[in-house]
PDB file of N, CA and C in Angstrom:
ATOM      1  N   MET A   1       0.875  -1.226   0.157  1.00  0.00           N
ATOM      2  CA  MET A   1       0.142  -0.268   0.179  1.00  0.00           C
ATOM      3  C   MET A   1       0.857   1.210  -0.083  1.00  0.00           C
ATOM      4  N   TRP A   2       0.602   2.033  -0.810  1.00  0.00           N
ATOM      5  CA  TRP A   2       1.211   3.365  -0.886  1.00  0.00           C
ATOM      6  C   TRP A   2       0.786   4.172   0.078  1.00  0.00           C
ATOM      7  N   LEU A   3       1.600   4.942   0.865  1.00  0.00           N
ATOM      8  CA  LEU A   3       1.090   5.752   2.142  1.00  0.00           C
ATOM      9  C   LEU A   3       1.099   7.245   1.991  1.00  0.00           C
ATOM     10  N   SER A   4       1.299   7.699   0.482  1.00  0.00           N
ATOM     11  CA  SER A   4       1.323   9.211   0.211  1.00  0.00           C
ATOM     12  C   SER A   4       2.616   9.900   0.641  1.00  0.00           C
ATOM     13  N   GLY A   5       3.604   9.021   0.955  1.00  0.00           N
ATOM     14  CA  GLY A   5       5.063   9.593   1.218  1.00  0.00           C
ATOM     15  C   GLY A   5       5.832   9.262  -0.246  1.00  0.00           C
ATOM     16  N   SER A   6       6.728  10.321  -0.530  1.00  0.00           N
ATOM     17  CA  SER A   6       7.583  10.358  -1.586  1.00  0.00           C
ATOM     18  C   SER A   6       8.777  11.297  -1.425  1.00  0.00           C
ATOM     19  N   ASP A   7       9.858  11.024  -2.111  1.00  0.00           N
ATOM     20  CA  ASP A   7      10.925  11.937  -2.149  1.00  0.00           C
ATOM     21  C   ASP A   7      11.087  12.367  -3.802  1.00  0.00           C
ATOM     22  N   ASN A   8       9.904  12.680  -4.370  1.00  0.00           N
ATOM     23  CA  ASN A   8       9.945  13.126  -5.660  1.00  0.00           C
ATOM     24  C   ASN A   8      10.691  14.262  -5.941  1.00  0.00           C
ATOM     25  N   ASP A   9      10.435  15.228  -5.075  1.00  0.00           N
ATOM     26  CA  ASP A   9      11.175  16.480  -5.223  1.00  0.00           C
ATOM     27  C   ASP A   9      12.663  16.824  -5.043  1.00  0.00           C
ATOM     28  N   PHE A  10      13.168  15.936  -4.156  1.00  0.00           N
ATOM     29  CA  PHE A  10      14.671  15.797  -3.780  1.00  0.00           C
ATOM     30  C   PHE A  10      14.898  14.490  -3.387  1.00  0.00           C
ATOM     31  N   ASN A  11      15.727  13.754  -4.124  1.00  0.00           N
ATOM     32  CA  ASN A  11      15.929  12.267  -3.676  1.00  0.00           C
ATOM     33  C   ASN A  11      16.629  12.380  -2.317  1.00  0.00           C
ATOM     34  N   GLY A  12      16.031  11.264  -1.398  1.00  0.00           N
ATOM     35  CA  GLY A  12      16.270  11.261   0.129  1.00  0.00           C
ATOM     36  C   GLY A  12      15.801  12.234   1.090  1.00  0.00           C
ATOM     37  N   THR A  13      14.779  13.173   0.567  1.00  0.00           N
ATOM     38  CA  THR A  13      13.960  13.858   1.638  1.00  0.00           C
ATOM     39  C   THR A  13      12.618  13.450   1.515  1.00  0.00           C
ATOM     40  N   PHE A  14      12.294  12.872   2.298  1.00  0.00           N
ATOM     41  CA  PHE A  14      10.860  12.245   2.080  1.00  0.00           C
ATOM     42  C   PHE A  14       9.651  13.316   2.836  1.00  0.00           C
ATOM     43  N   TYR A  15       8.507  13.395   1.976  1.00  0.00           N
ATOM     44  CA  TYR A  15       7.468  14.257   2.524  1.00  0.00           C
ATOM     45  C   TYR A  15       6.160  13.607   2.319  1.00  0.00           C
ATOM     46  N   TRP A  16       4.904  13.890   2.823  1.00  0.00           N
ATOM     47  CA  TRP A  16       3.749  13.495   2.616  1.00  0.00           C
ATOM     48  C   TRP A  16       3.100  14.237   1.522  1.00  0.00           C
ATOM     49  N   GLU A  17       2.689  13.431   0.437  1.00  0.00           N
ATOM     50  CA  GLU A  17       2.236  14.250  -0.655  1.00  0.00           C
ATOM     51  C   GLU A  17       0.782  14.969  -0.227  1.00  0.00           C
ATOM     52  N   SER A  18       0.168  14.306   0.678  1.00  0.00           N
ATOM     53  CA  SER A  18      -1.342  14.961   0.854  1.00  0.00           C
ATOM     54  C   SER A  18      -1.132  16.227   1.706  1.00  0.00           C
ATOM     55  N   THR A  19      -0.018  16.289   2.391  1.00  0.00           N
ATOM     56  CA  THR A  19       0.042  17.689   3.017  1.00  0.00           C
ATOM     57  C   THR A  19       1.439  18.626   2.923  1.00  0.00           C
ATOM     58  N   GLY A  20       2.249  17.844   2.224  1.00  0.00           N
ATOM     59  CA  GLY A  20       3.594  18.659   1.824  1.00  0.00           C
ATOM     60  C   GLY A  20       4.437  18.488   3.037  1.00  0.00           C
ATOM     61  N   HIS A  21       4.140  18.018   4.085  1.00  0.00           N
ATOM     62  CA  HIS A  21       4.941  17.905   5.048  1.00  0.00           C
ATOM     63  C   HIS A  21       6.153  17.037   5.248  1.00  0.00           C
ATOM     64  N   ALA A  22       7.278  17.289   5.734  1.00  0.00           N
ATOM     65  CA  ALA A  22       8.265  16.189   5.784  1.00  0.00           C
ATOM     66  C   ALA A  22       8.172  15.278   6.959  1.00  0.00           C
ATOM     67  N   PHE A  23       8.619  13.827   6.430  1.00  0.00           N
ATOM     68  CA  PHE A  23       8.445  13.024   7.505  1.00  0.00           C
ATOM     69  C   PHE A  23       9.060  13.611   8.808  1.00  0.00           C
ATOM     70  N   GLY A  24       8.471  12.837   9.891  1.00  0.00           N
ATOM     71  CA  GLY A  24       8.928  12.940  11.242  1.00  0.00           C
ATOM     72  C   GLY A  24       8.081  13.622  12.193  1.00  0.00           C
ATOM     73  N   PRO A  25       8.310  13.311  13.395  1.00  0.00           N
ATOM     74  CA  PRO A  25       9.425  12.766  14.034  1.00  0.00           C
ATOM     75  C   PRO A  25       9.239  11.122  13.986  1.00  0.00           C
ATOM     76  N   PHE A  26       8.169  10.580  13.717  1.00  0.00           N
ATOM     77  CA  PHE A  26       7.745   9.207  13.496  1.00  0.00           C
ATOM     78  C   PHE A  26       8.203   8.721  12.126  1.00  0.00           C
ATOM     79  N   SER A  27       8.990   7.571  12.083  1.00  0.00           N
ATOM     80  CA  SER A  27       9.180   6.692  10.869  1.00  0.00           C
ATOM     81  C   SER A  27       9.198   5.164  11.254  1.00  0.00           C
ATOM     82  N   TYR A  28       8.875   4.507   9.997  1.00  0.00           N
ATOM     83  CA  TYR A  28       8.998   2.930  10.400  1.00  0.00           C
ATOM     84  C   TYR A  28       9.563   2.244   9.289  1.00  0.00           C
ATOM     85  N   TRP A  29      10.799   2.784   8.782  1.00  0.00           N
ATOM     86  CA  TRP A  29      11.543   2.179   7.973  1.00  0.00           C
ATOM     87  C   TRP A  29      12.156   0.908   8.295  1.00  0.00           C
ATOM     88  N   SER A  30      12.037  -0.239   7.327  1.00  0.00           N
ATOM     89  CA  SER A  30      12.773  -1.304   7.475  1.00  0.00           C
ATOM     90  C   SER A  30      14.210  -1.420   7.306  1.00  0.00           C
ATOM     91  N   THR A  31      14.952  -2.235   7.988  1.00  0.00           N
ATOM     92  CA  THR A  31      16.340  -2.261   8.065  1.00  0.00           C
ATOM     93  C   THR A  31      16.822  -2.182   6.511  1.00  0.00           C
ATOM     94  N   GLY A  32      17.720  -1.017   6.176  1.00  0.00           N
ATOM     95  CA  GLY A  32      18.364  -0.855   4.907  1.00  0.00           C
ATOM     96  C   GLY A  32      17.491  -0.131   3.818  1.00  0.00           C
ATOM     97  N   GLN A  33      16.415   0.430   4.481  1.00  0.00           N
ATOM     98  CA  GLN A  33      15.391   1.292   3.827  1.00  0.00           C
ATOM     99  C   GLN A  33      15.637   2.716   4.036  1.00  0.00           C
ATOM    100  N   PRO A  34      15.165   3.719   3.591  1.00  0.00           N
ATOM    101  CA  PRO A  34      15.212   3.629   2.058  1.00  0.00           C
ATOM    102  C   PRO A  34      16.593   3.265   1.290  1.00  0.00           C
ATOM    103  N   ASP A  35      16.420   2.653   0.062  1.00  0.00           N
ATOM    104  CA  ASP A  35      17.630   2.225  -0.553  1.00  0.00           C
ATOM    105  C   ASP A  35      17.746   2.634  -2.153  1.00  0.00           C
ATOM    106  N   ASP A  36      16.745   3.251  -2.531  1.00  0.00           N
ATOM    107  CA  ASP A  36      16.460   3.752  -3.931  1.00  0.00           C
ATOM    108  C   ASP A  36      16.448   2.619  -5.107  1.00  0.00           C
ATOM    109  N   GLY A  37      16.388   1.451  -4.495  1.00  0.00           N
ATOM    110  CA  GLY A  37      16.365   0.388  -5.548  1.00  0.00           C
ATOM    111  C   GLY A  37      17.704  -0.090  -5.854  1.00  0.00           C
ATOM    112  N   ALA A  38      18.855   0.353  -5.049  1.00  0.00           N
ATOM    113  CA  ALA A  38      20.298   0.116  -5.345  1.00  0.00           C
ATOM    114  C   ALA A  38      20.526  -1.162  -5.489  1.00  0.00           C
ATOM    115  N   LEU A  39      20.121  -2.091  -4.686  1.00  0.00           N
ATOM    116  CA  LEU A  39      20.390  -3.405  -4.524  1.00  0.00           C
ATOM    117  C   LEU A  39      19.727  -4.514  -5.507  1.00  0.00           C
ATOM    118  N   VAL A  40      18.527  -4.037  -5.976  1.00  0.00           N
ATOM    119  CA  VAL A  40      17.686  -4.921  -6.644  1.00  0.00           C
ATOM    120  C   VAL A  40      17.627  -4.662  -8.006  1.00  0.00           C
ATOM    121  N   ASN A  41      17.147  -3.558  -8.402  1.00  0.00           N
ATOM    122  CA  ASN A  41      16.764  -3.147  -9.887  1.00  0.00           C
ATOM    123  C   ASN A  41      17.367  -1.804 -10.194  1.00  0.00           C
ATOM    124  N   LYS A  42      18.216  -1.225  -9.334  1.00  0.00           N
ATOM    125  CA  LYS A  42      18.991   0.078  -9.754  1.00  0.00           C
ATOM    126  C   LYS A  42      17.952   1.135 -10.576  1.00  0.00           C
ATOM    127  N   THR A  43      16.770   1.094 -10.151  1.00  0.00           N
ATOM    128  CA  THR A  43      16.003   2.132 -10.657  1.00  0.00           C
ATOM    129  C   THR A  43      15.651   2.993  -9.320  1.00  0.00           C
ATOM    130  N   SER A  44      15.038   4.164  -9.661  1.00  0.00           N
ATOM    131  CA  SER A  44      14.747   5.187  -8.778  1.00  0.00           C
ATOM    132  C   SER A  44      13.352   4.636  -8.029  1.00  0.00           C
ATOM    133  N   GLU A  45      13.262   4.654  -6.610  1.00  0.00           N
ATOM    134  CA  GLU A  45      12.229   4.208  -5.891  1.00  0.00           C
ATOM    135  C   GLU A  45      12.091   5.529  -4.911  1.00  0.00           C
ATOM    136  N   ASN A  46      10.880   6.264  -5.369  1.00  0.00           N
ATOM    137  CA  ASN A  46      10.460   7.481  -4.807  1.00  0.00           C
ATOM    138  C   ASN A  46       9.247   7.355  -3.908  1.00  0.00           C
ATOM    139  N   CYS A  47       8.298   6.305  -3.959  1.00  0.00           N
ATOM    140  CA  CYS A  47       7.236   6.231  -3.127  1.00  0.00           C
ATOM    141  C   CYS A  47       7.510   5.332  -2.038  1.00  0.00           C
ATOM    142  N   VAL A  48       6.608   5.741  -0.963  1.00  0.00           N
ATOM    143  CA  VAL A  48       6.831   4.953   0.346  1.00  0.00           C
ATOM    144  C   VAL A  48       5.576   3.945   0.464  1.00  0.00           C
ATOM    145  N   ILE A  49       5.904   2.649   0.670  1.00  0.00           N
ATOM    146  CA  ILE A  49       4.865   1.825   0.718  1.00  0.00           C
ATOM    147  C   ILE A  49       4.995   1.145   2.173  1.00  0.00           C
ATOM    148  N   LEU A  50       3.883   0.435   2.482  1.00  0.00           N
ATOM    149  CA  LEU A  50       3.768  -0.676   3.539  1.00  0.00           C
ATOM    150  C   LEU A  50       4.233  -1.985   2.884  1.00  0.00           C
ATOM    151  N   ASN A  51       5.112  -2.701   3.226  1.00  0.00           N
ATOM    152  CA  ASN A  51       5.453  -3.865   2.870  1.00  0.00           C
ATOM    153  C   ASN A  51       4.981  -5.284   3.713  1.00  0.00           C
ATOM    154  N   HIS A  52       3.924  -5.661   3.162  1.00  0.00           N
ATOM    155  CA  HIS A  52       3.239  -6.841   4.099  1.00  0.00           C
ATOM    156  C   HIS A  52       4.303  -7.920   4.484  1.00  0.00           C
ATOM    157  N   MET A  53       5.238  -8.224   3.536  1.00  0.00           N
ATOM    158  CA  MET A  53       6.188  -9.143   3.720  1.00  0.00           C
ATOM    159  C   MET A  53       7.252  -8.816   4.659  1.00  0.00           C
ATOM    160  N   ASP A  54       7.211  -7.792   5.146  1.00  0.00           N
ATOM    161  CA  ASP A  54       8.321  -7.216   6.096  1.00  0.00           C
ATOM    162  C   ASP A  54       7.657  -6.580   7.312  1.00  0.00           C
ATOM    163  N   SER A  55       6.734  -7.069   7.956  1.00  0.00           N
ATOM    164  CA  SER A  55       6.002  -6.620   9.100  1.00  0.00           C
ATOM    165  C   SER A  55       5.511  -5.360   8.895  1.00  0.00           C
ATOM    166  N   TYR A  56       4.918  -5.059   7.805  1.00  0.00           N
ATOM    167  CA  TYR A  56       4.345  -3.809   7.416  1.00  0.00           C
ATOM    168  C   TYR A  56       5.077  -2.495   7.710  1.00  0.00           C
ATOM    169  N   GLN A  57       6.586  -2.895   7.648  1.00  0.00           N
ATOM    170  CA  GLN A  57       7.607  -1.677   7.741  1.00  0.00           C
ATOM    171  C   GLN A  57       7.498  -0.915   6.428  1.00  0.00           C
ATOM    172  N   TRP A  58       7.993   0.227   6.441  1.00  0.00           N
ATOM    173  CA  TRP A  58       8.086   1.153   5.347  1.00  0.00           C
ATOM    174  C   TRP A  58       9.202   0.706   4.290  1.00  0.00           C
ATOM    175  N   HIS A  59       8.976   0.776   2.979  1.00  0.00           N
ATOM    176  CA  HIS A  59       9.938   0.723   2.131  1.00  0.00           C
ATOM    177  C   HIS A  59      10.036   1.574   0.918  1.00  0.00           C
ATOM    178  N   ASP A  60      10.860   1.981   0.330  1.00  0.00           N
ATOM    179  CA  ASP A  60      10.792   2.867  -0.775  1.00  0.00           C
ATOM    180  C   ASP A  60      10.401   1.856  -2.097  1.00  0.00           C
ATOM    181  N   PHE A  61       9.616   2.483  -3.155  1.00  0.00           N
ATOM    182  CA  PHE A  61       9.296   1.470  -4.148  1.00  0.00           C
ATOM    183  C   PHE A  61       9.086   2.355  -5.372  1.00  0.00           C
ATOM    184  N   GLY A  62       9.150   1.745  -6.507  1.00  0.00           N
ATOM    185  CA  GLY A  62       8.831   2.814  -7.740  1.00  0.00           C
ATOM    186  C   GLY A  62       7.466   3.207  -7.905  1.00  0.00           C
ATOM    187  N   CYS A  63       7.306   4.539  -7.939  1.00  0.00           N
ATOM    188  CA  CYS A  63       6.095   5.179  -8.104  1.00  0.00           C
ATOM    189  C   CYS A  63       5.099   4.881  -9.404  1.00  0.00           C
ATOM    190  N   SER A  64       5.858   4.525 -10.387  1.00  0.00           N
ATOM    191  CA  SER A  64       4.929   4.059 -11.552  1.00  0.00           C
ATOM    192  C   SER A  64       4.421   2.924 -11.662  1.00  0.00           C
ATOM    193  N   SER A  65       4.813   1.873 -10.465  1.00  0.00           N
ATOM    194  CA  SER A  65       4.478   0.465 -10.461  1.00  0.00           C
ATOM    195  C   SER A  65       2.776   0.403 -10.539  1.00  0.00           C
ATOM    196  N   LYS A  66       2.303  -0.465 -11.267  1.00  0.00           N
ATOM    197  CA  LYS A  66       1.001  -0.944 -11.464  1.00  0.00           C
ATOM    198  C   LYS A  66       0.573  -1.671 -10.173  1.00  0.00           C
ATOM    199  N   GLU A  67       1.467  -2.068  -9.645  1.00  0.00           N
ATOM    200  CA  GLU A  67       1.203  -3.119  -8.397  1.00  0.00           C
ATOM    201  C   GLU A  67       0.808  -2.173  -7.095  1.00  0.00           C
ATOM    202  N   LEU A  68       0.947  -0.859  -7.152  1.00  0.00           N
ATOM    203  CA  LEU A  68       0.475   0.052  -5.969  1.00  0.00           C
ATOM    204  C   LEU A  68      -0.821   0.025  -5.873  1.00  0.00           C
ATOM    205  N   ARG A  69      -1.342  -0.210  -4.642  1.00  0.00           N
ATOM    206  CA  ARG A  69      -2.513   0.273  -3.964  1.00  0.00           C
ATOM    207  C   ARG A  69      -2.422   1.430  -3.131  1.00  0.00           C
ATOM    208  N   PHE A  70      -3.337   2.116  -2.781  1.00  0.00           N
ATOM    209  CA  PHE A  70      -3.055   3.367  -1.788  1.00  0.00           C
ATOM    210  C   PHE A  70      -4.247   3.296  -0.856  1.00  0.00           C
ATOM    211  N   ILE A  71      -3.830   3.997   0.238  1.00  0.00           N
ATOM    212  CA  ILE A  71      -4.753   4.232   1.362  1.00  0.00           C
ATOM    213  C   ILE A  71      -5.337   5.628   1.353  1.00  0.00           C
ATOM    214  N   CYS A  72      -6.560   5.710   1.300  1.00  0.00           N
ATOM    215  CA  CYS A  72      -7.468   6.735   1.295  1.00  0.00           C
ATOM    216  C   CYS A  72      -7.211   7.814   2.767  1.00  0.00           C
ATOM    217  N   GLU A  73      -7.322   8.967   2.474  1.00  0.00           N
ATOM    218  CA  GLU A  73      -7.181   9.757   3.827  1.00  0.00           C
ATOM    219  C   GLU A  73      -8.430  10.906   3.754  1.00  0.00           C
ATOM    220  N   LYS A  74      -9.140  10.887   4.947  1.00  0.00           N
ATOM    221  CA  LYS A  74     -10.225  11.589   4.986  1.00  0.00           C
ATOM    222  C   LYS A  74     -10.263  12.593   6.204  1.00  0.00           C
ATOM    223  N   ARG A  75     -10.418  13.801   5.727  1.00  0.00           N
ATOM    224  CA  ARG A  75     -10.511  14.855   6.819  1.00  0.00           C
ATOM    225  C   ARG A  75     -11.549  14.625   7.783  1.00  0.00           C
ATOM    226  N   GLY A  76     -11.192  14.870   9.212  1.00  0.00           N
ATOM    227  CA  GLY A  76     -11.975  14.799  10.218  1.00  0.00           C
ATOM    228  C   GLY A  76     -13.205  15.830  10.074  1.00  0.00           C
ATOM    229  N   ALA A  77     -14.070  15.725  10.880  1.00  0.00           N
ATOM    230  CA  ALA A  77     -15.048  16.649  10.996  1.00  0.00           C
ATOM    231  C   ALA A  77     -14.609  17.760  11.740  1.00  0.00           C
ATOM    232  N   THR A  78     -15.028  19.187  11.565  1.00  0.00           N
ATOM    233  CA  THR A  78     -14.422  20.254  12.335  1.00  0.00           C
ATOM    234  C   THR A  78     -15.695  20.528  13.324  1.00  0.00           C
ATOM    235  N   LYS A  79     -15.338  20.996  14.446  1.00  0.00           N
ATOM    236  CA  LYS A  79     -16.206  21.334  15.643  1.00  0.00           C
ATOM    237  C   LYS A  79     -16.352  22.908  15.667  1.00  0.00           C
TER     238      LYS A  79
END
């Protein structure tokens, strides 16, 4: 699942597409991530996903992948 995170603007600087805010202070990267695809396919991996095969930790992944699903975000009611 794509989490709305990416580093499309500047490689290595991740932000939330939905708000434009930088990651932090919380992150849940898997060991060795983000790696920009350096070890596997040597392609740019700019989107942040939940990897179900790695305890749902974060991995960077290619944004143009047709395999990506996404999580919708809904604004809460205002009081």
